[in-house]
Amino acid sequence: MGLVKSLRCPKCGSEAVSRTAFQCAECRSVLEIQVKIDHLTRSDFKAMRQNRDRSIWRWFDFFPVEKPSSIVSLGEGDTPLIHASRLGEKMGIPNLYLKNDTVLPTGSLKDRSNSVGISVAREWGVKTAAVMSTGNAAASAAAA
């Protein structure tokens, strides 16, 4: 599993002293979870790539979730790449591919991050999730 190394501010670089802080005490920016993965070996990476699970959770070892029983998922991941040959031709990029995230459970790329974020929250004992959104993020969080 990915181990939580710290909660760090991407704006000013400050680190939070508490795992439950979500906002930088210095500049009020939203904190990012820094995940430690240097303990993973080549064989770990190979096993993840060969995993039959096609959801994002095949990459469990990269996420800051300790127990698989904490996972909240609707099967996010394994969205297809579409060869955009005509657009690529116009742009001079013959091998241009676009990721089709419209086939995710709520049709939004927010499904991946909500799956991980809500799984972490569940593991930390959080009972309620709330998001500020007028669209995709809210629909995805509600589905999770």
C-alpha atoms as a PDB file:
ATOM      1  CA  MET A   1       0.000   0.000   0.000  1.00  0.00           C
ATOM      2  CA  GLY A   2       0.997   3.609  -0.425  1.00  0.00           C
ATOM      3  CA  LEU A   3       1.879   5.094   2.932  1.00  0.00           C
ATOM      4  CA  VAL A   4       0.814   8.613   3.827  1.00  0.00           C
ATOM      5  CA  LYS A   5       4.063  10.512   4.177  1.00  0.00           C
ATOM      6  CA  SER A   6       2.562  13.924   4.901  1.00  0.00           C
ATOM      7  CA  LEU A   7      -0.120  16.453   4.076  1.00  0.00           C
ATOM      8  CA  ARG A   8       1.645  19.230   2.180  1.00  0.00           C
ATOM      9  CA  CYS A   9       0.589  22.584   0.773  1.00  0.00           C
ATOM     10  CA  PRO A  10       1.239  22.770  -2.991  1.00  0.00           C
ATOM     11  CA  LYS A  11       1.262  26.563  -2.810  1.00  0.00           C
ATOM     12  CA  CYS A  12       3.682  27.412   0.028  1.00  0.00           C
ATOM     13  CA  GLY A  13       5.183  23.992   0.872  1.00  0.00           C
ATOM     14  CA  SER A  14       4.074  23.912   4.521  1.00  0.00           C
ATOM     15  CA  GLU A  15       3.320  20.531   6.056  1.00  0.00           C
ATOM     16  CA  ALA A  16       0.308  19.934   8.281  1.00  0.00           C
ATOM     17  CA  VAL A  17       0.878  18.639  11.788  1.00  0.00           C
ATOM     18  CA  SER A  18      -2.433  16.748  11.837  1.00  0.00           C
ATOM     19  CA  ARG A  19      -3.749  14.078   9.474  1.00  0.00           C
ATOM     20  CA  THR A  20      -7.160  15.664   9.750  1.00  0.00           C
ATOM     21  CA  ALA A  21      -6.109  19.122   8.522  1.00  0.00           C
ATOM     22  CA  PHE A  22      -7.362  19.822   5.029  1.00  0.00           C
ATOM     23  CA  GLN A  23      -6.335  23.438   4.654  1.00  0.00           C
ATOM     24  CA  CYS A  24      -2.888  25.011   4.999  1.00  0.00           C
ATOM     25  CA  ALA A  25      -2.536  26.946   8.246  1.00  0.00           C
ATOM     26  CA  GLU A  26      -0.211  29.422   6.487  1.00  0.00           C
ATOM     27  CA  CYS A  27      -1.967  30.300   3.212  1.00  0.00           C
ATOM     28  CA  ARG A  28      -5.350  28.475   3.461  1.00  0.00           C
ATOM     29  CA  SER A  29      -4.721  26.446   0.289  1.00  0.00           C
ATOM     30  CA  VAL A  30      -6.064  22.879   0.062  1.00  0.00           C
ATOM     31  CA  LEU A  31      -3.464  20.343   1.204  1.00  0.00           C
ATOM     32  CA  GLU A  32      -2.253  17.430  -0.924  1.00  0.00           C
ATOM     33  CA  ILE A  33      -1.548  13.957   0.413  1.00  0.00           C
ATOM     34  CA  GLN A  34       2.081  12.996  -0.153  1.00  0.00           C
ATOM     35  CA  VAL A  35       2.268   9.225  -0.625  1.00  0.00           C
ATOM     36  CA  LYS A  36       5.417   7.214   0.023  1.00  0.00           C
ATOM     37  CA  ILE A  37       5.913   4.454  -2.553  1.00  0.00           C
ATOM     38  CA  ASP A  38       9.689   3.928  -2.478  1.00  0.00           C
ATOM     39  CA  HIS A  39       9.184   0.633  -0.624  1.00  0.00           C
ATOM     40  CA  LEU A  40       7.583  -0.874  -3.756  1.00  0.00           C
ATOM     41  CA  THR A  41       9.777  -3.191  -5.818  1.00  0.00           C
ATOM     42  CA  ARG A  42       9.907  -4.003  -9.524  1.00  0.00           C
ATOM     43  CA  SER A  43       8.023  -7.214  -8.824  1.00  0.00           C
ATOM     44  CA  ASP A  44       5.297  -5.171  -7.069  1.00  0.00           C
ATOM     45  CA  PHE A  45       4.900  -3.029 -10.195  1.00  0.00           C
ATOM     46  CA  LYS A  46       4.848  -6.101 -12.421  1.00  0.00           C
ATOM     47  CA  ALA A  47       2.172  -7.732 -10.244  1.00  0.00           C
ATOM     48  CA  MET A  48       0.022  -4.584 -10.425  1.00  0.00           C
ATOM     49  CA  ARG A  49       0.276  -4.450 -14.218  1.00  0.00           C
ATOM     50  CA  GLN A  50      -0.679  -8.125 -14.472  1.00  0.00           C
ATOM     51  CA  ASN A  51      -3.547  -7.900 -11.974  1.00  0.00           C
ATOM     52  CA  ARG A  52      -6.855  -9.106 -13.437  1.00  0.00           C
ATOM     53  CA  ASP A  53      -8.726  -6.323 -11.632  1.00  0.00           C
ATOM     54  CA  ARG A  54      -9.278  -3.696 -14.317  1.00  0.00           C
ATOM     55  CA  SER A  55     -10.481  -0.983 -11.944  1.00  0.00           C
ATOM     56  CA  ILE A  56      -8.228   1.720 -10.541  1.00  0.00           C
ATOM     57  CA  TRP A  57      -7.849  -0.467  -7.482  1.00  0.00           C
ATOM     58  CA  ARG A  58      -5.421  -2.722  -9.313  1.00  0.00           C
ATOM     59  CA  TRP A  59      -3.036   0.127  -8.400  1.00  0.00           C
ATOM     60  CA  PHE A  60      -3.952  -0.151  -4.689  1.00  0.00           C
ATOM     61  CA  ASP A  61      -0.304   0.065  -3.648  1.00  0.00           C
ATOM     62  CA  PHE A  62      -0.098   3.645  -4.960  1.00  0.00           C
ATOM     63  CA  PHE A  63      -3.059   4.887  -2.938  1.00  0.00           C
ATOM     64  CA  PRO A  64      -3.052   6.074   0.695  1.00  0.00           C
ATOM     65  CA  VAL A  65      -5.514   3.373   1.734  1.00  0.00           C
ATOM     66  CA  GLU A  66      -4.304   0.748   4.200  1.00  0.00           C
ATOM     67  CA  LYS A  67      -7.134  -1.810   4.203  1.00  0.00           C
ATOM     68  CA  PRO A  68      -8.861  -3.156   1.101  1.00  0.00           C
ATOM     69  CA  SER A  69     -12.037  -3.378   3.217  1.00  0.00           C
ATOM     70  CA  SER A  70     -12.132   0.453   3.209  1.00  0.00           C
ATOM     71  CA  ILE A  71     -12.459   0.667  -0.569  1.00  0.00           C
ATOM     72  CA  VAL A  72     -15.533   2.449  -1.909  1.00  0.00           C
ATOM     73  CA  SER A  73     -15.803   1.733  -5.619  1.00  0.00           C
ATOM     74  CA  LEU A  74     -18.266   1.547  -8.470  1.00  0.00           C
ATOM     75  CA  GLY A  75     -15.683  -0.103 -10.744  1.00  0.00           C
ATOM     76  CA  GLU A  76     -13.858   3.057 -11.829  1.00  0.00           C
ATOM     77  CA  GLY A  77     -11.053   2.634 -14.317  1.00  0.00           C
ATOM     78  CA  ASP A  78     -10.095   0.781 -17.469  1.00  0.00           C
ATOM     79  CA  THR A  79     -11.648   3.395 -19.722  1.00  0.00           C
ATOM     80  CA  PRO A  80     -10.777   2.983 -23.395  1.00  0.00           C
ATOM     81  CA  LEU A  81      -8.329   4.971 -25.454  1.00  0.00           C
ATOM     82  CA  ILE A  82      -9.749   6.149 -28.769  1.00  0.00           C
ATOM     83  CA  HIS A  83      -7.429   6.732 -31.672  1.00  0.00           C
ATOM     84  CA  ALA A  84      -8.188  10.292 -32.833  1.00  0.00           C
ATOM     85  CA  SER A  85      -6.653   9.836 -36.263  1.00  0.00           C
ATOM     86  CA  ARG A  86      -8.262  12.809 -38.032  1.00  0.00           C
ATOM     87  CA  LEU A  87      -7.547  15.244 -35.201  1.00  0.00           C
ATOM     88  CA  GLY A  88      -4.047  13.830 -34.856  1.00  0.00           C
ATOM     89  CA  GLU A  89      -3.497  14.258 -38.585  1.00  0.00           C
ATOM     90  CA  LYS A  90      -4.529  17.931 -38.410  1.00  0.00           C
ATOM     91  CA  MET A  91      -2.253  18.489 -35.423  1.00  0.00           C
ATOM     92  CA  GLY A  92       0.681  16.549 -36.846  1.00  0.00           C
ATOM     93  CA  ILE A  93       0.378  13.876 -34.153  1.00  0.00           C
ATOM     94  CA  PRO A  94      -0.322  10.581 -35.959  1.00  0.00           C
ATOM     95  CA  ASN A  95      -0.613   8.532 -32.757  1.00  0.00           C
ATOM     96  CA  LEU A  96      -2.990  10.817 -30.846  1.00  0.00           C
ATOM     97  CA  TYR A  97      -5.300   8.971 -28.459  1.00  0.00           C
ATOM     98  CA  LEU A  98      -8.063  10.343 -26.269  1.00  0.00           C
ATOM     99  CA  LYS A  99      -9.172   8.755 -22.992  1.00  0.00           C
ATOM    100  CA  ASN A 100     -12.930   8.118 -23.011  1.00  0.00           C
ATOM    101  CA  ASP A 101     -13.930   8.793 -19.420  1.00  0.00           C
ATOM    102  CA  THR A 102     -17.596   9.120 -20.361  1.00  0.00           C
ATOM    103  CA  VAL A 103     -17.894   5.375 -19.675  1.00  0.00           C
ATOM    104  CA  LEU A 104     -17.005   5.801 -15.993  1.00  0.00           C
ATOM    105  CA  PRO A 105     -19.903   5.060 -13.601  1.00  0.00           C
ATOM    106  CA  THR A 106     -21.207   8.661 -13.490  1.00  0.00           C
ATOM    107  CA  GLY A 107     -19.683   9.714 -16.804  1.00  0.00           C
ATOM    108  CA  SER A 108     -17.096  11.898 -15.073  1.00  0.00           C
ATOM    109  CA  LEU A 109     -13.360  11.685 -14.506  1.00  0.00           C
ATOM    110  CA  LYS A 110     -14.156  12.721 -10.910  1.00  0.00           C
ATOM    111  CA  ASP A 111     -15.140   9.101 -10.216  1.00  0.00           C
ATOM    112  CA  ARG A 112     -11.508   8.039  -9.842  1.00  0.00           C
ATOM    113  CA  SER A 113     -10.490  10.692  -7.309  1.00  0.00           C
ATOM    114  CA  ASN A 114     -13.754  10.348  -5.381  1.00  0.00           C
ATOM    115  CA  SER A 115     -13.275   6.603  -5.106  1.00  0.00           C
ATOM    116  CA  VAL A 116      -9.853   7.093  -3.545  1.00  0.00           C
ATOM    117  CA  GLY A 117     -10.788  10.116  -1.431  1.00  0.00           C
ATOM    118  CA  ILE A 118     -13.949   8.596  -0.013  1.00  0.00           C
ATOM    119  CA  SER A 119     -12.102   5.326   0.664  1.00  0.00           C
ATOM    120  CA  VAL A 120      -9.509   7.254   2.697  1.00  0.00           C
ATOM    121  CA  ALA A 121     -12.270   9.123   4.512  1.00  0.00           C
ATOM    122  CA  ARG A 122     -14.016   5.846   5.314  1.00  0.00           C
ATOM    123  CA  GLU A 123     -10.792   4.405   6.679  1.00  0.00           C
ATOM    124  CA  TRP A 124     -10.324   7.498   8.856  1.00  0.00           C
ATOM    125  CA  GLY A 125     -13.837   7.055  10.271  1.00  0.00           C
ATOM    126  CA  VAL A 126     -15.447   9.970   8.448  1.00  0.00           C
ATOM    127  CA  LYS A 127     -19.202   9.419   8.215  1.00  0.00           C
ATOM    128  CA  THR A 128     -20.221  12.282   5.892  1.00  0.00           C
ATOM    129  CA  ALA A 129     -18.702  13.566   2.663  1.00  0.00           C
ATOM    130  CA  ALA A 130     -19.450  16.978   1.183  1.00  0.00           C
ATOM    131  CA  VAL A 131     -18.189  18.691  -1.937  1.00  0.00           C
ATOM    132  CA  MET A 132     -18.545  22.125  -3.454  1.00  0.00           C
ATOM    133  CA  SER A 133     -19.775  21.531  -6.975  1.00  0.00           C
ATOM    134  CA  THR A 134     -22.511  22.325  -9.413  1.00  0.00           C
ATOM    135  CA  GLY A 135     -22.022  19.210 -11.478  1.00  0.00           C
ATOM    136  CA  ASN A 136     -19.715  16.286 -12.043  1.00  0.00           C
ATOM    137  CA  ALA A 137     -17.890  16.269  -8.710  1.00  0.00           C
ATOM    138  CA  ALA A 138     -21.152  16.348  -6.750  1.00  0.00           C
ATOM    139  CA  ALA A 139     -22.800  13.628  -8.854  1.00  0.00           C
ATOM    140  CA  SER A 140     -19.727  11.442  -8.499  1.00  0.00           C
ATOM    141  CA  ALA A 141     -19.458  11.977  -4.732  1.00  0.00           C
ATOM    142  CA  ALA A 142     -23.170  11.260  -4.294  1.00  0.00           C
ATOM    143  CA  ALA A 143     -22.833   8.024  -6.270  1.00  0.00           C
ATOM    144  CA  ALA A 144     -19.894   6.936  -4.113  1.00  0.00           C
END
